[in-house]
């Protein structure tokens, strides 16, 4: 059983049900979750205390790829969880949608255990069922 010891995970996802599924999965692992459904909200959510992020590339208000550089510049490890093809230049783990949200927990655990100097590896994630829920509120939302 994973234990994030109430560390904060930023979920950058514009689909409410997917965001809720991810949030609930991380909460079961004792993580605090902030949800950002837009690029703008994600930028506000990249704050001190965020230990890792889950990023969808296809957001309604912009390209999630630009957020990859911002996360890297702030030294926030992240995994891309998207239905879009994996960009050839991506230097982060990539998990295709749909996949089981539990897989995200395992990948984030690996990112947090990895020394900062090692480059991240791409994830060869198996496809699996994904379902979920979220409250649809705009901005960065907290799930206790």
N, C-alpha and C. Protein backbone atom coordinates (compact mmCIF):
# COMPACT_ATOMS: atom_id res chain seq x y z
N UNK A 1 0.84 -1.18 0.00
CA UNK A 1 0.00 0.00 0.00
C UNK A 1 0.88 1.24 0.00
N UNK A 2 0.60 2.16 -0.88
CA UNK A 2 1.35 3.40 -0.99
C UNK A 2 1.00 4.35 0.14
N UNK A 3 1.96 5.19 0.49
CA UNK A 3 1.69 6.21 1.49
C UNK A 3 2.47 7.47 1.12
N UNK A 4 1.73 8.47 0.67
CA UNK A 4 2.34 9.73 0.28
C UNK A 4 2.48 10.69 1.46
N UNK A 5 2.10 10.23 2.65
CA UNK A 5 2.26 11.02 3.87
C UNK A 5 1.71 12.44 3.71
N UNK A 6 0.59 12.55 3.05
CA UNK A 6 -0.14 13.82 2.87
C UNK A 6 0.64 14.85 2.08
N UNK A 7 1.57 14.38 1.25
CA UNK A 7 2.26 15.30 0.33
C UNK A 7 1.29 15.66 -0.79
N UNK A 8 1.50 16.82 -1.41
CA UNK A 8 0.57 17.34 -2.41
C UNK A 8 0.94 16.93 -3.82
N UNK A 9 -0.07 16.39 -4.53
CA UNK A 9 0.04 16.02 -5.94
C UNK A 9 -0.86 16.98 -6.72
N UNK A 10 -0.34 17.58 -7.78
CA UNK A 10 -1.11 18.46 -8.64
C UNK A 10 -1.62 17.65 -9.83
N UNK A 11 -2.94 17.59 -9.98
CA UNK A 11 -3.56 16.88 -11.10
C UNK A 11 -4.05 17.91 -12.10
N UNK A 12 -3.41 17.95 -13.26
CA UNK A 12 -3.74 18.91 -14.32
C UNK A 12 -4.56 18.15 -15.35
N UNK A 13 -5.87 18.24 -15.22
CA UNK A 13 -6.80 17.43 -16.02
C UNK A 13 -8.11 18.19 -16.17
N UNK A 14 -8.59 18.31 -17.42
CA UNK A 14 -9.82 19.08 -17.66
C UNK A 14 -11.08 18.23 -17.73
N UNK A 15 -10.94 16.92 -17.72
CA UNK A 15 -12.12 16.06 -17.72
C UNK A 15 -12.49 15.73 -16.28
N UNK A 16 -13.63 16.22 -15.81
CA UNK A 16 -13.99 16.08 -14.39
C UNK A 16 -13.97 14.65 -13.86
N UNK A 17 -14.49 13.71 -14.61
CA UNK A 17 -14.54 12.34 -14.12
C UNK A 17 -13.16 11.70 -14.02
N UNK A 18 -12.31 12.02 -14.97
CA UNK A 18 -10.95 11.49 -14.94
C UNK A 18 -10.18 12.10 -13.76
N UNK A 19 -10.34 13.41 -13.57
CA UNK A 19 -9.66 14.08 -12.46
C UNK A 19 -10.09 13.52 -11.11
N UNK A 20 -11.37 13.23 -10.97
CA UNK A 20 -11.85 12.68 -9.70
C UNK A 20 -11.31 11.28 -9.47
N UNK A 21 -11.26 10.48 -10.51
CA UNK A 21 -10.71 9.12 -10.39
C UNK A 21 -9.25 9.18 -9.93
N UNK A 22 -8.47 10.05 -10.55
CA UNK A 22 -7.07 10.19 -10.16
C UNK A 22 -6.98 10.69 -8.72
N UNK A 23 -7.78 11.69 -8.40
CA UNK A 23 -7.76 12.27 -7.04
C UNK A 23 -8.08 11.22 -5.99
N UNK A 24 -9.13 10.47 -6.22
CA UNK A 24 -9.52 9.45 -5.24
C UNK A 24 -8.46 8.38 -5.09
N UNK A 25 -7.83 8.00 -6.18
CA UNK A 25 -6.79 6.98 -6.13
C UNK A 25 -5.60 7.47 -5.30
N UNK A 26 -5.21 8.72 -5.48
CA UNK A 26 -4.10 9.27 -4.70
C UNK A 26 -4.51 9.50 -3.24
N UNK A 27 -5.75 9.84 -3.00
CA UNK A 27 -6.21 10.02 -1.62
C UNK A 27 -6.16 8.71 -0.85
N UNK A 28 -6.48 7.62 -1.51
CA UNK A 28 -6.38 6.31 -0.87
C UNK A 28 -4.93 6.05 -0.46
N UNK A 29 -3.99 6.62 -1.21
CA UNK A 29 -2.56 6.49 -0.90
C UNK A 29 -2.09 7.60 0.03
N UNK A 30 -3.02 8.27 0.69
CA UNK A 30 -2.73 9.32 1.67
C UNK A 30 -2.04 10.55 1.08
N UNK A 31 -2.41 10.92 -0.13
CA UNK A 31 -1.89 12.14 -0.74
C UNK A 31 -2.92 13.24 -0.60
N UNK A 32 -2.45 14.46 -0.57
CA UNK A 32 -3.31 15.64 -0.68
C UNK A 32 -3.31 15.97 -2.17
N UNK A 33 -4.47 16.26 -2.74
CA UNK A 33 -4.57 16.47 -4.18
C UNK A 33 -5.13 17.85 -4.49
N UNK A 34 -4.46 18.55 -5.41
CA UNK A 34 -4.95 19.80 -5.96
C UNK A 34 -5.28 19.52 -7.42
N UNK A 35 -6.47 19.94 -7.86
CA UNK A 35 -6.87 19.72 -9.25
C UNK A 35 -6.88 21.05 -9.98
N UNK A 36 -6.26 21.05 -11.15
CA UNK A 36 -6.22 22.23 -12.01
C UNK A 36 -6.77 21.83 -13.37
N UNK A 37 -7.97 22.30 -13.74
CA UNK A 37 -8.57 21.89 -15.02
C UNK A 37 -8.14 22.72 -16.23
N UNK A 38 -7.29 23.73 -16.02
CA UNK A 38 -6.85 24.59 -17.12
C UNK A 38 -5.36 24.87 -16.98
N UNK A 39 -4.76 25.38 -18.06
CA UNK A 39 -3.35 25.78 -18.00
C UNK A 39 -3.17 26.91 -16.99
N UNK A 40 -4.10 27.85 -16.99
CA UNK A 40 -4.03 28.97 -16.06
C UNK A 40 -4.07 28.48 -14.62
N UNK A 41 -5.00 27.61 -14.31
CA UNK A 41 -5.11 27.07 -12.96
C UNK A 41 -3.87 26.25 -12.60
N UNK A 42 -3.30 25.55 -13.57
CA UNK A 42 -2.10 24.75 -13.31
C UNK A 42 -0.93 25.65 -12.91
N UNK A 43 -0.80 26.78 -13.60
CA UNK A 43 0.29 27.70 -13.27
C UNK A 43 0.13 28.23 -11.85
N UNK A 44 -1.09 28.48 -11.43
CA UNK A 44 -1.34 28.94 -10.06
C UNK A 44 -1.11 27.80 -9.07
N UNK A 45 -1.33 26.57 -9.51
CA UNK A 45 -1.18 25.42 -8.63
C UNK A 45 0.24 24.95 -8.45
N UNK A 46 1.17 25.42 -9.30
CA UNK A 46 2.58 25.03 -9.19
C UNK A 46 3.21 25.87 -8.08
N UNK A 47 2.99 25.44 -6.88
CA UNK A 47 3.44 26.20 -5.71
C UNK A 47 4.35 25.34 -4.85
N UNK A 48 4.94 26.00 -3.88
CA UNK A 48 5.76 25.27 -2.92
C UNK A 48 4.89 24.21 -2.26
N UNK A 49 5.45 23.06 -2.06
CA UNK A 49 4.70 21.99 -1.42
C UNK A 49 4.18 20.95 -2.39
N UNK A 50 4.08 21.27 -3.67
CA UNK A 50 3.66 20.29 -4.67
C UNK A 50 4.86 19.40 -4.96
N UNK A 51 4.70 18.10 -4.70
CA UNK A 51 5.84 17.19 -4.86
C UNK A 51 5.87 16.50 -6.22
N UNK A 52 4.73 16.48 -6.92
CA UNK A 52 4.66 15.85 -8.24
C UNK A 52 3.36 16.27 -8.92
N UNK A 53 3.31 16.04 -10.23
CA UNK A 53 2.12 16.41 -11.00
C UNK A 53 1.77 15.32 -12.00
N UNK A 54 0.47 15.24 -12.29
CA UNK A 54 -0.07 14.40 -13.36
C UNK A 54 -0.58 15.40 -14.39
N UNK A 55 -0.19 15.26 -15.64
CA UNK A 55 -0.49 16.26 -16.66
C UNK A 55 -1.16 15.65 -17.89
N UNK A 56 -2.32 16.21 -18.25
CA UNK A 56 -2.98 15.90 -19.52
C UNK A 56 -2.48 16.91 -20.53
N UNK A 57 -2.13 16.48 -21.73
CA UNK A 57 -1.62 17.40 -22.74
C UNK A 57 -2.73 18.22 -23.40
N UNK A 58 -3.94 17.69 -23.47
CA UNK A 58 -5.02 18.37 -24.17
C UNK A 58 -5.94 19.11 -23.22
N UNK A 59 -5.61 20.36 -22.93
CA UNK A 59 -6.44 21.17 -22.03
C UNK A 59 -7.23 22.18 -22.86
N UNK A 60 -8.38 22.59 -22.34
CA UNK A 60 -9.27 23.47 -23.09
C UNK A 60 -8.67 24.84 -23.38
N UNK A 61 -7.82 25.35 -22.50
CA UNK A 61 -7.32 26.71 -22.68
C UNK A 61 -5.87 26.78 -23.15
N UNK A 62 -5.32 25.68 -23.59
CA UNK A 62 -3.95 25.74 -24.08
C UNK A 62 -3.34 24.37 -24.22
N UNK A 63 -2.10 24.38 -24.63
CA UNK A 63 -1.35 23.17 -24.88
C UNK A 63 -0.62 22.75 -23.61
N UNK A 64 -0.90 21.56 -23.14
CA UNK A 64 -0.26 21.06 -21.94
C UNK A 64 1.23 20.87 -22.09
N UNK A 65 1.74 20.79 -23.32
CA UNK A 65 3.18 20.62 -23.51
C UNK A 65 3.96 21.80 -22.96
N UNK A 66 3.40 22.99 -23.04
CA UNK A 66 4.07 24.17 -22.49
C UNK A 66 4.23 24.03 -20.97
N UNK A 67 3.28 23.35 -20.34
CA UNK A 67 3.36 23.15 -18.89
C UNK A 67 4.49 22.21 -18.51
N UNK A 68 4.87 21.32 -19.42
CA UNK A 68 5.99 20.41 -19.15
C UNK A 68 7.25 21.21 -18.81
N UNK A 69 7.54 22.23 -19.62
CA UNK A 69 8.72 23.06 -19.38
C UNK A 69 8.62 23.81 -18.07
N UNK A 70 7.43 24.29 -17.74
CA UNK A 70 7.25 25.02 -16.49
C UNK A 70 7.44 24.10 -15.29
N UNK A 71 6.90 22.89 -15.37
CA UNK A 71 7.09 21.93 -14.28
C UNK A 71 8.58 21.60 -14.11
N UNK A 72 9.27 21.38 -15.23
CA UNK A 72 10.70 21.08 -15.17
C UNK A 72 11.47 22.25 -14.57
N UNK A 73 11.14 23.48 -14.96
CA UNK A 73 11.87 24.64 -14.45
C UNK A 73 11.66 24.82 -12.95
N UNK A 74 10.56 24.31 -12.44
CA UNK A 74 10.28 24.40 -10.99
C UNK A 74 10.69 23.12 -10.26
N UNK A 75 11.35 22.22 -10.97
CA UNK A 75 11.83 20.95 -10.41
C UNK A 75 10.69 20.12 -9.79
N UNK A 76 9.53 20.15 -10.45
CA UNK A 76 8.40 19.33 -10.02
C UNK A 76 8.35 18.12 -10.94
N UNK A 77 8.61 16.93 -10.43
CA UNK A 77 8.53 15.75 -11.29
C UNK A 77 7.08 15.52 -11.73
N UNK A 78 6.91 15.00 -12.94
CA UNK A 78 5.56 14.82 -13.46
C UNK A 78 5.49 13.63 -14.39
N UNK A 79 4.26 13.17 -14.57
CA UNK A 79 3.96 12.12 -15.53
C UNK A 79 2.87 12.66 -16.45
N UNK A 80 3.00 12.39 -17.73
CA UNK A 80 1.97 12.79 -18.70
C UNK A 80 0.99 11.63 -18.82
N UNK A 81 -0.29 11.95 -18.61
CA UNK A 81 -1.38 10.98 -18.72
C UNK A 81 -2.36 11.57 -19.72
N UNK A 82 -2.30 11.08 -20.95
CA UNK A 82 -3.03 11.74 -22.02
C UNK A 82 -3.52 10.77 -23.08
N UNK A 83 -4.58 11.18 -23.75
CA UNK A 83 -5.08 10.44 -24.89
C UNK A 83 -4.39 10.87 -26.17
N UNK A 84 -3.59 11.92 -26.10
CA UNK A 84 -2.82 12.38 -27.25
C UNK A 84 -1.57 11.53 -27.40
N UNK A 85 -1.03 11.43 -28.61
CA UNK A 85 0.20 10.65 -28.80
C UNK A 85 1.34 11.22 -27.97
N UNK A 86 2.25 10.36 -27.58
CA UNK A 86 3.41 10.79 -26.81
C UNK A 86 4.33 11.63 -27.69
N UNK A 87 4.62 12.86 -27.27
CA UNK A 87 5.55 13.70 -28.05
C UNK A 87 6.94 13.08 -28.08
N UNK A 88 7.59 13.15 -29.23
CA UNK A 88 8.93 12.56 -29.39
C UNK A 88 9.94 13.20 -28.46
N UNK A 89 9.74 14.44 -28.09
CA UNK A 89 10.71 15.16 -27.26
C UNK A 89 10.40 15.09 -25.76
N UNK A 90 9.37 14.35 -25.38
CA UNK A 90 8.97 14.27 -23.98
C UNK A 90 10.05 13.59 -23.14
N UNK A 91 10.45 14.24 -22.06
CA UNK A 91 11.45 13.69 -21.15
C UNK A 91 10.81 13.40 -19.80
N UNK A 92 9.69 12.72 -19.84
CA UNK A 92 8.95 12.36 -18.63
C UNK A 92 8.21 11.07 -18.91
N UNK A 93 7.82 10.37 -17.87
CA UNK A 93 7.01 9.17 -18.10
C UNK A 93 5.69 9.53 -18.79
N UNK A 94 5.25 8.66 -19.67
CA UNK A 94 4.01 8.85 -20.42
C UNK A 94 3.13 7.62 -20.22
N UNK A 95 1.89 7.86 -19.83
CA UNK A 95 0.91 6.78 -19.69
C UNK A 95 -0.28 7.13 -20.56
N UNK A 96 -0.65 6.26 -21.50
CA UNK A 96 -1.77 6.56 -22.38
C UNK A 96 -3.11 6.38 -21.68
N UNK A 97 -4.06 7.21 -22.06
CA UNK A 97 -5.45 7.03 -21.58
C UNK A 97 -6.13 6.06 -22.53
N UNK A 98 -7.01 5.25 -22.06
CA UNK A 98 -7.32 5.04 -20.65
C UNK A 98 -6.38 4.02 -20.04
N UNK A 99 -6.02 4.23 -18.80
CA UNK A 99 -5.23 3.29 -18.01
C UNK A 99 -5.77 3.35 -16.59
N UNK A 100 -5.47 2.34 -15.83
CA UNK A 100 -5.89 2.31 -14.44
C UNK A 100 -5.15 3.39 -13.67
N UNK A 101 -5.88 4.20 -12.89
CA UNK A 101 -5.26 5.30 -12.14
C UNK A 101 -4.24 4.80 -11.13
N UNK A 102 -4.36 3.57 -10.70
CA UNK A 102 -3.39 2.99 -9.77
C UNK A 102 -1.99 2.99 -10.38
N UNK A 103 -1.92 2.84 -11.70
CA UNK A 103 -0.64 2.87 -12.40
C UNK A 103 0.04 4.24 -12.22
N UNK A 104 -0.76 5.30 -12.18
CA UNK A 104 -0.21 6.65 -11.97
C UNK A 104 0.46 6.75 -10.60
N UNK A 105 -0.17 6.16 -9.59
CA UNK A 105 0.40 6.18 -8.25
C UNK A 105 1.76 5.50 -8.26
N UNK A 106 1.86 4.36 -8.92
CA UNK A 106 3.12 3.63 -8.97
C UNK A 106 4.21 4.43 -9.68
N UNK A 107 3.84 5.08 -10.78
CA UNK A 107 4.83 5.86 -11.53
C UNK A 107 5.28 7.07 -10.70
N UNK A 108 4.34 7.76 -10.06
CA UNK A 108 4.70 8.92 -9.24
C UNK A 108 5.58 8.49 -8.07
N UNK A 109 5.28 7.36 -7.45
CA UNK A 109 6.14 6.84 -6.39
C UNK A 109 7.57 6.67 -6.90
N UNK A 110 7.69 6.12 -8.10
CA UNK A 110 9.02 5.94 -8.70
C UNK A 110 9.72 7.26 -8.95
N UNK A 111 8.97 8.26 -9.39
CA UNK A 111 9.56 9.59 -9.62
C UNK A 111 10.08 10.18 -8.32
N UNK A 112 9.34 10.01 -7.25
CA UNK A 112 9.73 10.60 -5.97
C UNK A 112 10.89 9.85 -5.32
N UNK A 113 11.06 8.59 -5.68
CA UNK A 113 12.17 7.81 -5.14
C UNK A 113 13.44 7.99 -5.94
N UNK A 114 13.33 8.45 -7.19
CA UNK A 114 14.46 8.58 -8.09
C UNK A 114 15.32 9.78 -7.68
N UNK A 115 16.64 9.61 -7.68
CA UNK A 115 17.51 10.76 -7.43
C UNK A 115 17.29 11.82 -8.49
N UNK A 116 17.36 13.07 -8.10
CA UNK A 116 17.07 14.19 -9.00
C UNK A 116 17.99 14.24 -10.21
N UNK A 117 19.17 13.65 -10.13
CA UNK A 117 20.13 13.74 -11.23
C UNK A 117 19.89 12.71 -12.33
N UNK A 118 19.10 11.68 -12.06
CA UNK A 118 18.83 10.67 -13.08
C UNK A 118 17.74 11.14 -14.02
N UNK A 119 17.91 11.01 -15.32
CA UNK A 119 16.84 11.39 -16.24
C UNK A 119 15.67 10.43 -16.13
N UNK A 120 14.44 10.93 -16.29
CA UNK A 120 13.27 10.06 -16.18
C UNK A 120 13.18 9.11 -17.35
N UNK A 121 12.56 7.95 -17.10
CA UNK A 121 12.32 6.98 -18.16
C UNK A 121 10.87 7.08 -18.60
N UNK A 122 10.62 6.74 -19.82
CA UNK A 122 9.24 6.69 -20.31
C UNK A 122 8.60 5.41 -19.81
N UNK A 123 7.34 5.51 -19.46
CA UNK A 123 6.60 4.35 -18.97
C UNK A 123 5.99 3.60 -20.14
N UNK A 124 6.14 2.29 -20.13
CA UNK A 124 5.50 1.45 -21.14
C UNK A 124 4.24 0.89 -20.50
N UNK A 125 3.30 1.76 -20.22
CA UNK A 125 2.10 1.38 -19.47
C UNK A 125 1.15 0.54 -20.31
N UNK A 126 0.59 -0.44 -19.65
CA UNK A 126 -0.44 -1.25 -20.31
C UNK A 126 -1.77 -0.52 -20.24
N UNK A 127 -2.56 -0.67 -21.26
CA UNK A 127 -3.89 -0.06 -21.26
C UNK A 127 -4.79 -0.81 -20.30
N UNK A 128 -5.66 -0.08 -19.64
CA UNK A 128 -6.60 -0.70 -18.71
C UNK A 128 -7.81 0.19 -18.54
N UNK A 129 -8.80 -0.28 -17.84
CA UNK A 129 -10.02 0.52 -17.67
C UNK A 129 -9.75 1.74 -16.80
N UNK A 130 -10.43 2.80 -17.11
CA UNK A 130 -10.33 4.02 -16.31
C UNK A 130 -11.70 4.62 -16.19
N UNK A 131 -12.05 4.97 -15.00
CA UNK A 131 -13.33 5.65 -14.75
C UNK A 131 -13.09 6.61 -13.62
N UNK A 132 -13.99 7.54 -13.42
CA UNK A 132 -13.78 8.46 -12.32
C UNK A 132 -14.82 9.54 -12.27
N UNK A 133 -14.60 10.43 -11.32
CA UNK A 133 -15.54 11.52 -11.09
C UNK A 133 -14.77 12.72 -10.57
N UNK A 134 -15.31 13.93 -10.71
CA UNK A 134 -14.76 15.15 -10.13
C UNK A 134 -15.85 16.20 -10.10
N UNK A 135 -15.73 17.21 -9.27
CA UNK A 135 -16.82 18.16 -9.06
C UNK A 135 -16.97 19.22 -10.14
N UNK A 136 -16.07 19.35 -11.08
CA UNK A 136 -16.22 20.27 -12.20
C UNK A 136 -15.97 21.73 -11.86
N UNK A 137 -15.53 22.05 -10.67
CA UNK A 137 -15.28 23.44 -10.30
C UNK A 137 -14.10 23.99 -11.08
N UNK A 138 -14.17 25.25 -11.48
CA UNK A 138 -13.10 25.91 -12.22
C UNK A 138 -12.01 26.34 -11.24
N UNK A 139 -10.78 26.40 -11.70
CA UNK A 139 -9.69 26.80 -10.84
C UNK A 139 -9.04 25.59 -10.22
N UNK A 140 -8.18 25.82 -9.27
CA UNK A 140 -7.52 24.73 -8.59
C UNK A 140 -8.39 24.29 -7.44
N UNK A 141 -8.75 23.03 -7.44
CA UNK A 141 -9.63 22.51 -6.39
C UNK A 141 -8.90 21.54 -5.50
N UNK A 142 -9.23 21.56 -4.24
CA UNK A 142 -8.61 20.64 -3.29
C UNK A 142 -9.55 19.49 -3.00
N UNK A 143 -8.98 18.32 -2.90
CA UNK A 143 -9.70 17.16 -2.44
C UNK A 143 -8.98 16.71 -1.18
N UNK A 144 -9.59 16.85 -0.02
CA UNK A 144 -8.89 16.54 1.23
C UNK A 144 -8.47 15.10 1.33
